Amino acid sequence: MSEVSYWRPIATAPKDCETILVIHRDDLYPVVAFCVTDHEGAEEWMRETEGPEDNYERRENIRHTPLYRSPTHWMPLPEPPRA
């Protein structure tokens, strides 16, 4: 059995494009996201844009969408199910 994960302050989150689970304290559901840093050091939280539910956001060659608002907490993704 894997170690139990708890929500951690976003200041302690990995900022190297590692995919993690994030949430804003006022949101109902977490989202899988990652942080990107531009050449000036500005950070932006992104999520992958996939599936038909995201087509309204999709423009040519765009695969990532900024989060609606900056997350306040994070945790590692759980282990995937075993076969």
N, C-alpha and C. Protein backbone atom coordinates (compact mmCIF):
# COMPACT_ATOMS: atom_id res chain seq x y z
N MET A 1 0.84 -1.17 0.00
CA MET A 1 0.00 0.00 0.00
C MET A 1 0.89 1.24 0.00
N SER A 2 0.49 2.26 -0.75
CA SER A 2 1.32 3.46 -0.85
C SER A 2 1.08 4.40 0.32
N GLU A 3 1.99 5.32 0.49
CA GLU A 3 1.92 6.30 1.56
C GLU A 3 0.71 7.22 1.35
N VAL A 4 0.04 7.60 2.43
CA VAL A 4 -1.10 8.50 2.36
C VAL A 4 -0.60 9.90 2.02
N SER A 5 -1.29 10.56 1.11
CA SER A 5 -0.93 11.92 0.74
C SER A 5 -1.91 12.91 1.32
N TYR A 6 -1.42 14.06 1.69
CA TYR A 6 -2.24 15.13 2.22
C TYR A 6 -2.00 16.39 1.41
N TRP A 7 -2.99 17.28 1.42
CA TRP A 7 -2.83 18.55 0.71
C TRP A 7 -1.71 19.35 1.35
N ARG A 8 -0.87 19.91 0.48
CA ARG A 8 0.29 20.69 0.92
C ARG A 8 0.16 22.11 0.36
N PRO A 9 0.78 23.10 1.00
CA PRO A 9 0.74 24.47 0.47
C PRO A 9 1.38 24.52 -0.92
N ILE A 10 0.80 25.30 -1.81
CA ILE A 10 1.28 25.36 -3.20
C ILE A 10 2.72 25.88 -3.29
N ALA A 11 3.17 26.64 -2.30
CA ALA A 11 4.55 27.13 -2.31
C ALA A 11 5.57 26.00 -2.29
N THR A 12 5.16 24.81 -1.83
CA THR A 12 6.07 23.67 -1.77
C THR A 12 5.96 22.76 -2.98
N ALA A 13 5.13 23.11 -3.95
CA ALA A 13 4.90 22.26 -5.13
C ALA A 13 6.10 22.28 -6.08
N PRO A 14 6.32 21.17 -6.80
CA PRO A 14 7.38 21.16 -7.82
C PRO A 14 7.03 22.14 -8.94
N LYS A 15 8.02 22.85 -9.41
CA LYS A 15 7.79 23.86 -10.46
C LYS A 15 8.54 23.50 -11.74
N ASP A 16 8.76 22.19 -11.96
CA ASP A 16 9.58 21.73 -13.09
C ASP A 16 8.75 20.96 -14.12
N CYS A 17 7.49 21.35 -14.30
CA CYS A 17 6.56 20.71 -15.24
C CYS A 17 6.12 19.33 -14.78
N GLU A 18 6.40 18.96 -13.54
CA GLU A 18 5.91 17.68 -13.01
C GLU A 18 4.39 17.75 -12.86
N THR A 19 3.70 16.72 -13.31
CA THR A 19 2.25 16.68 -13.21
C THR A 19 1.84 16.28 -11.80
N ILE A 20 0.98 17.12 -11.19
CA ILE A 20 0.52 16.90 -9.82
C ILE A 20 -0.97 17.20 -9.74
N LEU A 21 -1.57 16.92 -8.61
CA LEU A 21 -2.96 17.23 -8.36
C LEU A 21 -3.00 18.55 -7.60
N VAL A 22 -3.79 19.53 -8.10
CA VAL A 22 -3.86 20.85 -7.47
C VAL A 22 -5.32 21.23 -7.22
N ILE A 23 -5.51 22.16 -6.29
CA ILE A 23 -6.84 22.67 -6.00
C ILE A 23 -6.72 24.07 -5.41
N HIS A 24 -7.71 24.91 -5.68
CA HIS A 24 -7.83 26.20 -5.02
C HIS A 24 -8.75 25.98 -3.82
N ARG A 25 -8.49 26.62 -2.73
CA ARG A 25 -9.27 26.38 -1.50
C ARG A 25 -10.77 26.56 -1.68
N ASP A 26 -11.22 27.30 -2.68
CA ASP A 26 -12.65 27.52 -2.92
C ASP A 26 -13.23 26.62 -4.00
N ASP A 27 -12.42 25.76 -4.61
CA ASP A 27 -12.92 24.86 -5.65
C ASP A 27 -13.55 23.61 -5.06
N LEU A 28 -14.41 22.98 -5.84
CA LEU A 28 -15.04 21.74 -5.41
C LEU A 28 -14.20 20.52 -5.77
N TYR A 29 -13.47 20.61 -6.89
CA TYR A 29 -12.75 19.44 -7.39
C TYR A 29 -11.30 19.79 -7.71
N PRO A 30 -10.39 18.87 -7.46
CA PRO A 30 -8.99 19.08 -7.86
C PRO A 30 -8.82 18.86 -9.36
N VAL A 31 -7.69 19.27 -9.88
CA VAL A 31 -7.38 19.10 -11.29
C VAL A 31 -5.91 18.67 -11.42
N VAL A 32 -5.62 17.88 -12.42
CA VAL A 32 -4.25 17.50 -12.72
C VAL A 32 -3.62 18.64 -13.50
N ALA A 33 -2.48 19.14 -13.01
CA ALA A 33 -1.86 20.32 -13.62
C ALA A 33 -0.36 20.26 -13.45
N PHE A 34 0.32 21.25 -14.05
CA PHE A 34 1.76 21.39 -13.93
C PHE A 34 2.11 22.86 -14.05
N CYS A 35 3.26 23.23 -13.52
CA CYS A 35 3.70 24.62 -13.53
C CYS A 35 4.79 24.81 -14.58
N VAL A 36 4.64 25.85 -15.38
CA VAL A 36 5.68 26.22 -16.34
C VAL A 36 6.24 27.57 -15.94
N THR A 37 7.50 27.77 -16.22
CA THR A 37 8.17 29.03 -15.91
C THR A 37 8.72 29.62 -17.20
N ASP A 38 8.40 30.89 -17.46
CA ASP A 38 8.90 31.51 -18.69
C ASP A 38 10.33 32.00 -18.50
N HIS A 39 10.91 32.57 -19.55
CA HIS A 39 12.31 32.99 -19.52
C HIS A 39 12.56 34.14 -18.52
N GLU A 40 11.50 34.81 -18.06
CA GLU A 40 11.64 35.88 -17.07
C GLU A 40 11.37 35.40 -15.65
N GLY A 41 11.07 34.10 -15.50
CA GLY A 41 10.84 33.53 -14.18
C GLY A 41 9.40 33.55 -13.72
N ALA A 42 8.48 34.02 -14.55
CA ALA A 42 7.06 34.03 -14.18
C ALA A 42 6.50 32.61 -14.26
N GLU A 43 5.73 32.22 -13.25
CA GLU A 43 5.15 30.88 -13.20
C GLU A 43 3.69 30.91 -13.63
N GLU A 44 3.27 29.86 -14.34
CA GLU A 44 1.86 29.73 -14.72
C GLU A 44 1.46 28.27 -14.60
N TRP A 45 0.30 28.05 -13.97
CA TRP A 45 -0.23 26.70 -13.82
C TRP A 45 -1.08 26.36 -15.02
N MET A 46 -0.83 25.17 -15.60
CA MET A 46 -1.49 24.73 -16.82
C MET A 46 -2.11 23.35 -16.61
N ARG A 47 -3.08 23.03 -17.46
CA ARG A 47 -3.63 21.68 -17.54
C ARG A 47 -3.63 21.28 -19.00
N GLU A 48 -3.58 19.97 -19.23
CA GLU A 48 -3.63 19.51 -20.61
C GLU A 48 -5.03 19.69 -21.15
N THR A 49 -5.11 20.07 -22.41
CA THR A 49 -6.40 20.20 -23.08
C THR A 49 -6.57 18.97 -23.96
N GLU A 50 -7.51 18.15 -23.60
CA GLU A 50 -7.77 16.92 -24.34
C GLU A 50 -9.27 16.79 -24.56
N GLY A 51 -9.71 15.73 -25.09
CA GLY A 51 -11.11 15.35 -25.15
C GLY A 51 -12.10 16.37 -25.68
N PRO A 52 -13.29 15.92 -26.02
CA PRO A 52 -14.31 16.76 -26.63
C PRO A 52 -14.83 17.85 -25.70
N GLU A 53 -14.76 17.63 -24.38
CA GLU A 53 -15.25 18.65 -23.47
C GLU A 53 -14.39 19.91 -23.49
N ASP A 54 -13.18 19.81 -24.03
CA ASP A 54 -12.28 20.95 -24.09
C ASP A 54 -12.20 21.59 -25.47
N ASN A 55 -12.98 21.14 -26.42
CA ASN A 55 -12.88 21.66 -27.78
C ASN A 55 -13.16 23.15 -27.88
N TYR A 56 -13.98 23.69 -26.99
CA TYR A 56 -14.27 25.12 -27.05
C TYR A 56 -13.03 25.95 -26.80
N GLU A 57 -12.04 25.39 -26.13
CA GLU A 57 -10.80 26.11 -25.85
C GLU A 57 -9.73 25.85 -26.89
N ARG A 58 -9.91 24.81 -27.65
CA ARG A 58 -8.85 24.36 -28.55
C ARG A 58 -8.70 25.29 -29.75
N ARG A 59 -7.47 25.73 -29.92
CA ARG A 59 -7.10 26.45 -31.13
C ARG A 59 -6.00 25.64 -31.80
N GLU A 60 -5.66 25.96 -32.99
CA GLU A 60 -4.65 25.21 -33.73
C GLU A 60 -3.36 25.06 -32.92
N ASN A 61 -2.93 23.81 -32.75
CA ASN A 61 -1.66 23.46 -32.09
C ASN A 61 -1.57 23.86 -30.61
N ILE A 62 -2.69 24.14 -29.96
CA ILE A 62 -2.68 24.46 -28.53
C ILE A 62 -3.05 23.19 -27.78
N ARG A 63 -2.18 22.74 -26.88
CA ARG A 63 -2.45 21.51 -26.14
C ARG A 63 -2.58 21.75 -24.64
N HIS A 64 -2.30 22.97 -24.17
CA HIS A 64 -2.36 23.25 -22.75
C HIS A 64 -3.17 24.52 -22.51
N THR A 65 -3.88 24.53 -21.40
CA THR A 65 -4.74 25.64 -21.06
C THR A 65 -4.39 26.13 -19.66
N PRO A 66 -4.25 27.44 -19.47
CA PRO A 66 -3.99 27.94 -18.11
C PRO A 66 -5.16 27.62 -17.19
N LEU A 67 -4.87 27.43 -15.91
CA LEU A 67 -5.92 27.20 -14.94
C LEU A 67 -6.72 28.50 -14.76
N TYR A 68 -7.96 28.34 -14.38
CA TYR A 68 -8.86 29.47 -14.15
C TYR A 68 -8.30 30.42 -13.09
N ARG A 69 -7.75 29.84 -12.03
CA ARG A 69 -7.10 30.63 -10.99
C ARG A 69 -5.96 29.81 -10.39
N SER A 70 -5.05 30.50 -9.75
CA SER A 70 -3.88 29.83 -9.19
C SER A 70 -4.28 28.90 -8.05
N PRO A 71 -3.74 27.70 -8.04
CA PRO A 71 -4.06 26.76 -6.96
C PRO A 71 -3.46 27.22 -5.63
N THR A 72 -4.06 26.76 -4.55
CA THR A 72 -3.55 27.07 -3.21
C THR A 72 -2.91 25.86 -2.55
N HIS A 73 -3.23 24.64 -3.05
CA HIS A 73 -2.72 23.42 -2.45
C HIS A 73 -2.42 22.38 -3.53
N TRP A 74 -1.60 21.41 -3.17
CA TRP A 74 -1.24 20.35 -4.12
C TRP A 74 -0.97 19.05 -3.37
N MET A 75 -0.93 17.96 -4.14
CA MET A 75 -0.48 16.66 -3.65
C MET A 75 0.01 15.85 -4.85
N PRO A 76 0.88 14.86 -4.61
CA PRO A 76 1.33 14.00 -5.71
C PRO A 76 0.16 13.22 -6.29
N LEU A 77 0.28 12.85 -7.54
CA LEU A 77 -0.73 11.98 -8.14
C LEU A 77 -0.67 10.61 -7.47
N PRO A 78 -1.81 9.95 -7.33
CA PRO A 78 -1.78 8.59 -6.76
C PRO A 78 -1.17 7.60 -7.76
N GLU A 79 -0.80 6.45 -7.27
CA GLU A 79 -0.30 5.40 -8.14
C GLU A 79 -1.42 4.94 -9.06
N PRO A 80 -1.12 4.63 -10.33
CA PRO A 80 -2.17 4.13 -11.23
C PRO A 80 -2.60 2.73 -10.81
N PRO A 81 -3.78 2.30 -11.22
CA PRO A 81 -4.24 0.95 -10.89
C PRO A 81 -3.32 -0.11 -11.49
N ARG A 82 -3.23 -1.22 -10.83
CA ARG A 82 -2.43 -2.33 -11.35
C ARG A 82 -3.30 -3.21 -12.21
N ALA A 83 -2.69 -3.85 -13.19
CA ALA A 83 -3.44 -4.71 -14.10
C ALA A 83 -3.90 -5.98 -13.41
